[in-house]
Amino acid sequence: MPLHPEIEPYDHGMLDVGDGNHVYWETCGNPLGKPAVVLHGGPGSGCGPYFRRLFDPAVYRIVLLDQRGCGRSTPHASVYGTDMSVNTTAHLIADLELLREHLGIERWLVWGVSWGSVLGLRYAQTHPAVVSELVLTGVATGSNPEVALLTRGLGQIFPEAFERFLAELPAGEREGNLAAAYNRLIESPDPEVRARAARAWTDWETACVPAPPRSVPRYEDERFRMGFARTVTHYFGNDHFLGEGNEEGVVLRDAPLLKGIPGTLVQGSLDFGNLLGIVWRLHQAWPGSELVVIDDVGHNAGAPGVGEALVAATDKYAKAQAG
């Protein structure tokens, strides 16, 4: 199924979610259509117009938002002094509920990519009555083994880049949780230390793709780079704020709570998250889920074949409701 045409929002706003935070939201498509909410990745990536094209605008009321601290939401995580203690998984879930109620939505399809899939899964597990379906890609569950893989395990595959990644850390910080160590640098009062750490973090993320390292344009934006690196390391370094038991994976443990919620998992065969078997295990533990694997694709919602599979999923759920 091809992507739907480009569209613009018909409404947008800033929602006061408390703690001095205001979350940007927008709505596109049919104001009377099937509600769907888009959860971007990162944490801290922000939403973009590409996501609007994954839904039929004639039948969906598409809600996009920038989660706390990123995109057009305020205050931005790139600003030194922004309080990150009020940016946790529980806060983001509460924000979703405030936004749903603000927009007068009873139930909505939840779409998520990468970190957005973690957030979407946990939201559905804790608020199942308001989630009609889940469509997830670049699937992750936020467990500690996944963080260890992304920050240390992949060093065996990208040894040169990993050596540079470690070199930015003081010698005594190169063991244990590397994300937490990087977050300490990014929280330094010295702006030069913060800037170097944010650059080193995004350089490592750029290297961890199943292809030769390439440039990621948004990482060249200083504001984005700092806010993104600060937010990712904040979550990665704190068990994704999922609570006790995340060493084994809280989201995967609670997968049976998703029973009764239809879901589609669209995963690239070359996504390094697959090395732990997380997506397959989630699919097996989630009654009623569908797993769609796209060959020769990594961790990229915009790769050939992925967008088409996501459109097929959203079209299917729209038709099911109409039927």
Protein backbone atom coordinates (compact mmCIF):
# COMPACT_ATOMS: atom_id res chain seq x y z
CA MET A 1 0.00 0.00 0.00
CA PRO A 2 1.54 3.38 -0.99
CA LEU A 3 1.85 6.22 1.50
CA HIS A 4 -1.10 8.58 1.73
CA PRO A 5 -0.74 12.16 0.38
CA GLU A 6 0.97 14.91 2.35
CA ILE A 7 -1.44 16.87 4.53
CA GLU A 8 -1.35 19.80 6.95
CA PRO A 9 -2.92 20.02 10.43
CA TYR A 10 -6.40 21.46 10.72
CA ASP A 11 -5.81 22.31 14.39
CA HIS A 12 -2.93 22.53 16.86
CA GLY A 13 -2.14 23.85 20.30
CA MET A 14 0.01 23.78 23.43
CA LEU A 15 -1.37 21.70 26.31
CA ASP A 16 -0.41 22.65 29.87
CA VAL A 17 0.51 19.28 31.42
CA GLY A 18 1.84 20.65 34.69
CA ASP A 19 5.35 20.91 36.14
CA GLY A 20 5.90 23.98 33.97
CA ASN A 21 5.64 21.88 30.80
CA HIS A 22 3.54 22.61 27.71
CA VAL A 23 3.17 19.86 25.11
CA TYR A 24 2.68 20.68 21.43
CA TRP A 25 -0.10 18.75 19.65
CA GLU A 26 -1.72 18.81 16.24
CA THR A 27 -4.64 17.08 14.53
CA CYS A 28 -4.86 16.13 10.85
CA GLY A 29 -7.24 14.31 8.55
CA ASN A 30 -10.95 13.89 9.26
CA PRO A 31 -12.16 15.66 12.45
CA LEU A 32 -14.92 13.03 12.71
CA GLY A 33 -12.69 10.08 11.79
CA LYS A 34 -11.23 7.16 13.72
CA PRO A 35 -8.84 8.62 16.33
CA ALA A 36 -5.16 7.65 16.22
CA VAL A 37 -2.22 9.03 18.19
CA VAL A 38 1.39 9.00 16.98
CA LEU A 39 4.20 8.39 19.48
CA HIS A 40 7.61 9.36 18.13
CA GLY A 41 10.92 7.77 19.02
CA GLY A 42 14.02 8.84 20.86
CA PRO A 43 13.08 9.55 23.56
CA GLY A 44 13.36 13.12 22.40
CA SER A 45 13.11 12.90 18.61
CA GLY A 46 9.86 14.84 18.15
CA CYS A 47 7.19 14.31 15.51
CA GLY A 48 7.50 14.98 11.80
CA PRO A 49 5.16 15.27 8.80
CA TYR A 50 6.10 11.80 7.48
CA PHE A 51 3.97 10.16 10.18
CA ARG A 52 0.82 11.87 8.88
CA ARG A 53 1.14 9.93 5.63
CA LEU A 54 0.72 6.56 7.32
CA PHE A 55 -3.02 7.12 7.84
CA ASP A 56 -5.86 7.63 5.38
CA PRO A 57 -6.83 11.28 6.02
CA ALA A 58 -10.38 10.63 4.86
CA VAL A 59 -11.05 8.13 7.64
CA TYR A 60 -8.60 8.96 10.45
CA ARG A 61 -8.42 11.78 12.97
CA ILE A 62 -4.63 11.79 13.35
CA VAL A 63 -3.15 13.22 16.55
CA LEU A 64 0.56 14.00 16.71
CA LEU A 65 2.47 15.41 19.65
CA ASP A 66 5.98 16.31 20.70
CA GLN A 67 6.62 14.60 24.02
CA ARG A 68 7.96 16.59 26.97
CA GLY A 69 11.19 18.43 26.36
CA CYS A 70 11.45 18.02 22.59
CA GLY A 71 10.26 19.41 19.28
CA ARG A 72 7.93 22.34 19.81
CA SER A 73 7.11 21.46 23.43
CA THR A 74 8.49 23.66 26.20
CA PRO A 75 10.78 23.88 28.06
CA HIS A 76 13.21 22.15 25.70
CA ALA A 77 15.65 19.57 27.08
CA SER A 78 18.52 21.29 25.27
CA VAL A 79 18.25 24.22 27.68
CA TYR A 80 20.55 23.73 30.65
CA GLY A 81 18.45 23.92 33.80
CA THR A 82 15.35 22.29 32.30
CA ASP A 83 14.06 19.97 35.04
CA MET A 84 14.42 16.41 33.76
CA SER A 85 13.07 14.88 36.96
CA VAL A 86 9.56 15.56 35.64
CA ASN A 87 10.28 13.83 32.33
CA THR A 88 9.62 10.13 32.95
CA THR A 89 7.53 7.36 31.42
CA ALA A 90 4.82 7.93 34.01
CA HIS A 91 4.72 11.65 33.15
CA LEU A 92 4.43 10.94 29.42
CA ILE A 93 1.60 8.46 29.98
CA ALA A 94 -0.22 11.01 32.12
CA ASP A 95 0.28 13.58 29.33
CA LEU A 96 -1.36 11.21 26.84
CA GLU A 97 -4.39 10.90 29.06
CA LEU A 98 -4.63 14.68 29.49
CA LEU A 99 -4.42 15.14 25.73
CA ARG A 100 -7.00 12.43 25.01
CA GLU A 101 -9.43 14.04 27.42
CA HIS A 102 -8.63 17.53 26.10
CA LEU A 103 -9.52 16.41 22.57
CA GLY A 104 -12.66 14.58 23.69
CA ILE A 105 -11.47 11.18 22.47
CA GLU A 106 -12.82 8.02 24.08
CA ARG A 107 -10.52 5.43 22.48
CA TRP A 108 -7.71 5.71 19.94
CA LEU A 109 -5.36 3.60 17.89
CA VAL A 110 -1.82 4.00 19.27
CA TRP A 111 1.01 4.14 16.71
CA GLY A 112 4.61 4.08 17.92
CA VAL A 113 8.16 3.86 16.57
CA SER A 114 11.23 2.74 18.55
CA TRP A 115 10.92 4.44 21.96
CA GLY A 116 7.36 5.27 20.92
CA SER A 117 6.65 1.54 20.82
CA VAL A 118 7.88 1.22 24.42
CA LEU A 119 5.66 4.10 25.48
CA GLY A 120 2.70 2.80 23.47
CA LEU A 121 3.00 -0.71 24.92
CA ARG A 122 3.22 0.54 28.49
CA TYR A 123 0.34 2.96 27.93
CA ALA A 124 -1.81 0.12 26.59
CA GLN A 125 -0.85 -2.14 29.49
CA THR A 126 -1.82 0.49 32.06
CA HIS A 127 -4.82 1.99 30.19
CA PRO A 128 -6.20 -0.85 28.05
CA ALA A 129 -9.75 0.52 27.94
CA VAL A 130 -8.70 3.56 25.87
CA VAL A 131 -6.53 1.75 23.29
CA SER A 132 -8.40 0.31 20.31
CA GLU A 133 -5.35 -1.07 18.45
CA LEU A 134 -1.56 -0.80 18.40
CA VAL A 135 0.64 -0.37 15.32
CA LEU A 136 4.34 -0.44 16.20
CA THR A 137 7.60 -0.39 14.24
CA GLY A 138 11.29 -0.46 15.15
CA VAL A 139 9.90 -2.33 18.13
CA ALA A 140 11.59 -2.08 21.52
CA THR A 141 10.46 -2.78 25.07
CA GLY A 142 12.91 -0.61 27.03
CA SER A 143 14.50 -3.43 29.03
CA ASN A 144 17.96 -3.12 30.54
CA PRO A 145 19.40 -5.85 28.27
CA GLU A 146 18.29 -3.80 25.24
CA VAL A 147 20.11 -0.75 26.59
CA ALA A 148 23.22 -2.85 27.28
CA LEU A 149 23.12 -4.17 23.72
CA LEU A 150 22.80 -0.72 22.15
CA THR A 151 25.45 0.94 24.30
CA ARG A 152 28.01 -1.84 24.80
CA GLY A 153 27.12 -5.06 22.98
CA LEU A 154 27.23 -3.47 19.53
CA GLY A 155 30.81 -2.47 20.28
CA GLN A 156 31.82 -5.93 19.09
CA ILE A 157 30.27 -5.16 15.69
CA PHE A 158 31.52 -1.55 15.44
CA PRO A 159 34.82 -1.68 17.38
CA GLU A 160 36.37 1.47 15.93
CA ALA A 161 33.31 3.61 16.62
CA PHE A 162 32.96 2.02 20.07
CA GLU A 163 36.53 2.94 20.95
CA ARG A 164 35.77 6.58 20.13
CA PHE A 165 32.53 6.33 22.12
CA LEU A 166 34.37 5.09 25.22
CA ALA A 167 37.20 7.60 24.82
CA GLU A 168 34.92 10.53 25.65
CA LEU A 169 34.27 9.06 29.11
CA PRO A 170 36.69 9.34 32.04
CA ALA A 171 38.54 6.06 32.58
CA GLY A 172 36.59 5.31 35.74
CA GLU A 173 33.24 5.68 33.93
CA ARG A 174 33.80 3.09 31.21
CA GLU A 175 32.23 0.18 33.09
CA GLY A 176 28.61 -0.30 34.05
CA ASN A 177 25.77 1.69 32.49
CA LEU A 178 27.36 3.78 29.75
CA ALA A 179 24.19 5.78 29.16
CA ALA A 180 24.16 6.89 32.79
CA ALA A 181 27.83 7.86 32.52
CA TYR A 182 27.12 9.93 29.42
CA ASN A 183 24.14 11.54 31.11
CA ARG A 184 26.39 12.72 33.91
CA LEU A 185 28.58 14.44 31.33
CA ILE A 186 25.57 16.00 29.61
CA GLU A 187 24.39 17.35 32.97
CA SER A 188 27.80 18.96 33.59
CA PRO A 189 27.80 22.69 34.40
CA ASP A 190 30.55 23.07 31.77
CA PRO A 191 28.91 23.78 28.37
CA GLU A 192 31.96 22.44 26.50
CA VAL A 193 31.73 19.10 28.32
CA ARG A 194 28.01 18.92 27.55
CA ALA A 195 28.54 19.70 23.87
CA ARG A 196 31.32 17.12 23.42
CA ALA A 197 29.27 14.42 25.16
CA ALA A 198 26.17 15.09 23.06
CA ARG A 199 28.23 14.94 19.86
CA ALA A 200 29.93 11.68 20.91
CA TRP A 201 26.58 10.12 21.77
CA THR A 202 24.97 10.95 18.43
CA ASP A 203 28.14 9.86 16.58
CA TRP A 204 27.77 6.45 18.22
CA GLU A 205 24.09 6.25 17.30
CA THR A 206 24.96 7.15 13.70
CA ALA A 207 27.56 4.36 13.57
CA CYS A 208 25.10 1.71 14.80
CA VAL A 209 23.31 1.09 11.53
CA PRO A 210 23.59 -2.04 9.34
CA ALA A 211 25.43 -0.09 6.64
CA PRO A 212 28.52 2.15 6.45
CA PRO A 213 28.24 5.15 8.83
CA ARG A 214 26.35 8.01 7.29
CA SER A 215 25.39 11.54 8.21
CA VAL A 216 22.12 12.15 10.05
CA PRO A 217 21.10 15.74 9.22
CA ARG A 218 19.12 16.39 12.40
CA TYR A 219 22.21 15.55 14.50
CA GLU A 220 23.91 18.56 12.93
CA ASP A 221 21.35 20.83 14.60
CA GLU A 222 22.95 21.78 17.92
CA ARG A 223 19.63 22.28 19.72
CA PHE A 224 18.24 18.96 18.54
CA ARG A 225 21.50 17.11 19.26
CA MET A 226 21.73 18.34 22.84
CA GLY A 227 18.06 17.80 23.67
CA PHE A 228 18.02 14.36 22.09
CA ALA A 229 21.22 13.11 23.74
CA ARG A 230 20.18 14.49 27.11
CA THR A 231 16.74 12.86 26.95
CA VAL A 232 17.92 9.48 25.62
CA THR A 233 20.66 9.12 28.22
CA HIS A 234 18.23 10.24 30.94
CA TYR A 235 15.88 7.37 30.06
CA PHE A 236 18.51 4.77 29.15
CA GLY A 237 20.41 5.53 32.36
CA ASN A 238 17.34 5.15 34.58
CA ASP A 239 15.77 1.84 33.47
CA HIS A 240 13.42 3.81 31.21
CA PHE A 241 11.58 4.65 34.46
CA LEU A 242 9.72 1.35 34.19
CA GLY A 243 10.27 0.37 37.79
CA GLU A 244 11.54 -2.68 39.60
CA GLY A 245 11.98 -5.76 37.44
CA ASN A 246 13.20 -4.05 34.29
CA GLU A 247 16.35 -6.14 34.30
CA GLU A 248 14.19 -8.87 32.81
CA GLY A 249 11.85 -6.50 31.00
CA VAL A 250 8.69 -5.08 32.57
CA VAL A 251 6.92 -4.51 29.25
CA LEU A 252 7.64 -8.02 28.02
CA ARG A 253 6.63 -9.48 31.37
CA ASP A 254 3.28 -7.72 31.18
CA ALA A 255 2.59 -8.60 27.52
CA PRO A 256 -0.41 -10.79 28.50
CA LEU A 257 -2.16 -7.59 29.66
CA LEU A 258 -2.48 -6.69 25.97
CA LYS A 259 -4.91 -9.54 25.38
CA GLY A 260 -7.96 -8.20 23.58
CA ILE A 261 -6.07 -5.34 21.92
CA PRO A 262 -5.29 -6.11 18.25
CA GLY A 263 -1.77 -5.15 17.22
CA THR A 264 0.62 -5.15 14.28
CA LEU A 265 4.41 -5.23 14.72
CA VAL A 266 6.36 -4.12 11.62
CA GLN A 267 10.04 -4.96 12.01
CA GLY A 268 13.10 -4.72 9.76
CA SER A 269 15.05 -7.96 9.56
CA LEU A 270 18.33 -6.03 10.06
CA ASP A 271 17.16 -4.09 13.12
CA PHE A 272 19.77 -4.79 15.80
CA GLY A 273 17.01 -4.93 18.39
CA ASN A 274 16.23 -8.34 16.89
CA LEU A 275 19.48 -9.77 18.27
CA LEU A 276 17.79 -10.36 21.63
CA GLY A 277 14.65 -11.86 20.09
CA ILE A 278 12.53 -9.20 21.81
CA VAL A 279 10.05 -8.68 18.97
CA TRP A 280 9.43 -12.39 18.46
CA ARG A 281 9.04 -12.94 22.21
CA LEU A 282 6.60 -10.03 22.45
CA HIS A 283 4.58 -11.41 19.54
CA GLN A 284 4.45 -14.85 21.16
CA ALA A 285 3.33 -13.43 24.52
CA TRP A 286 0.71 -11.07 23.07
CA PRO A 287 -2.47 -12.87 22.01
CA GLY A 288 -3.91 -11.34 18.86
CA SER A 289 -0.75 -9.66 17.63
CA GLU A 290 0.61 -9.86 14.08
CA LEU A 291 4.31 -9.76 13.21
CA VAL A 292 5.35 -8.42 9.79
CA VAL A 293 9.08 -8.71 8.97
CA ILE A 294 10.54 -6.54 6.20
CA ASP A 295 13.70 -8.03 4.68
CA ASP A 296 16.98 -6.10 4.35
CA VAL A 297 15.76 -3.16 6.47
CA GLY A 298 17.16 -1.85 9.74
CA HIS A 299 15.79 0.45 12.44
CA ASN A 300 14.08 2.87 10.05
CA ALA A 301 10.35 3.65 9.85
CA GLY A 302 10.89 5.40 6.52
CA ALA A 303 12.71 2.57 4.75
CA PRO A 304 11.26 1.03 1.58
CA GLY A 305 8.63 -1.52 2.46
CA VAL A 306 8.17 -0.38 6.06
CA GLY A 307 5.93 2.59 5.32
CA GLU A 308 3.81 0.49 3.00
CA ALA A 309 3.38 -2.20 5.66
CA LEU A 310 2.39 0.44 8.22
CA VAL A 311 -0.19 1.90 5.84
CA ALA A 312 -1.57 -1.59 5.24
CA ALA A 313 -1.97 -2.00 9.00
CA THR A 314 -3.73 1.32 9.59
CA ASP A 315 -5.97 0.73 6.55
CA LYS A 316 -6.86 -2.71 7.88
CA TYR A 317 -7.91 -1.37 11.27
CA ALA A 318 -9.96 1.41 9.68
CA LYS A 319 -11.80 -1.13 7.52
CA ALA A 320 -12.35 -3.43 10.48
CA GLN A 321 -14.04 -0.62 12.40
CA ALA A 322 -16.16 0.33 9.38
CA GLY A 323 -17.16 -3.30 8.95
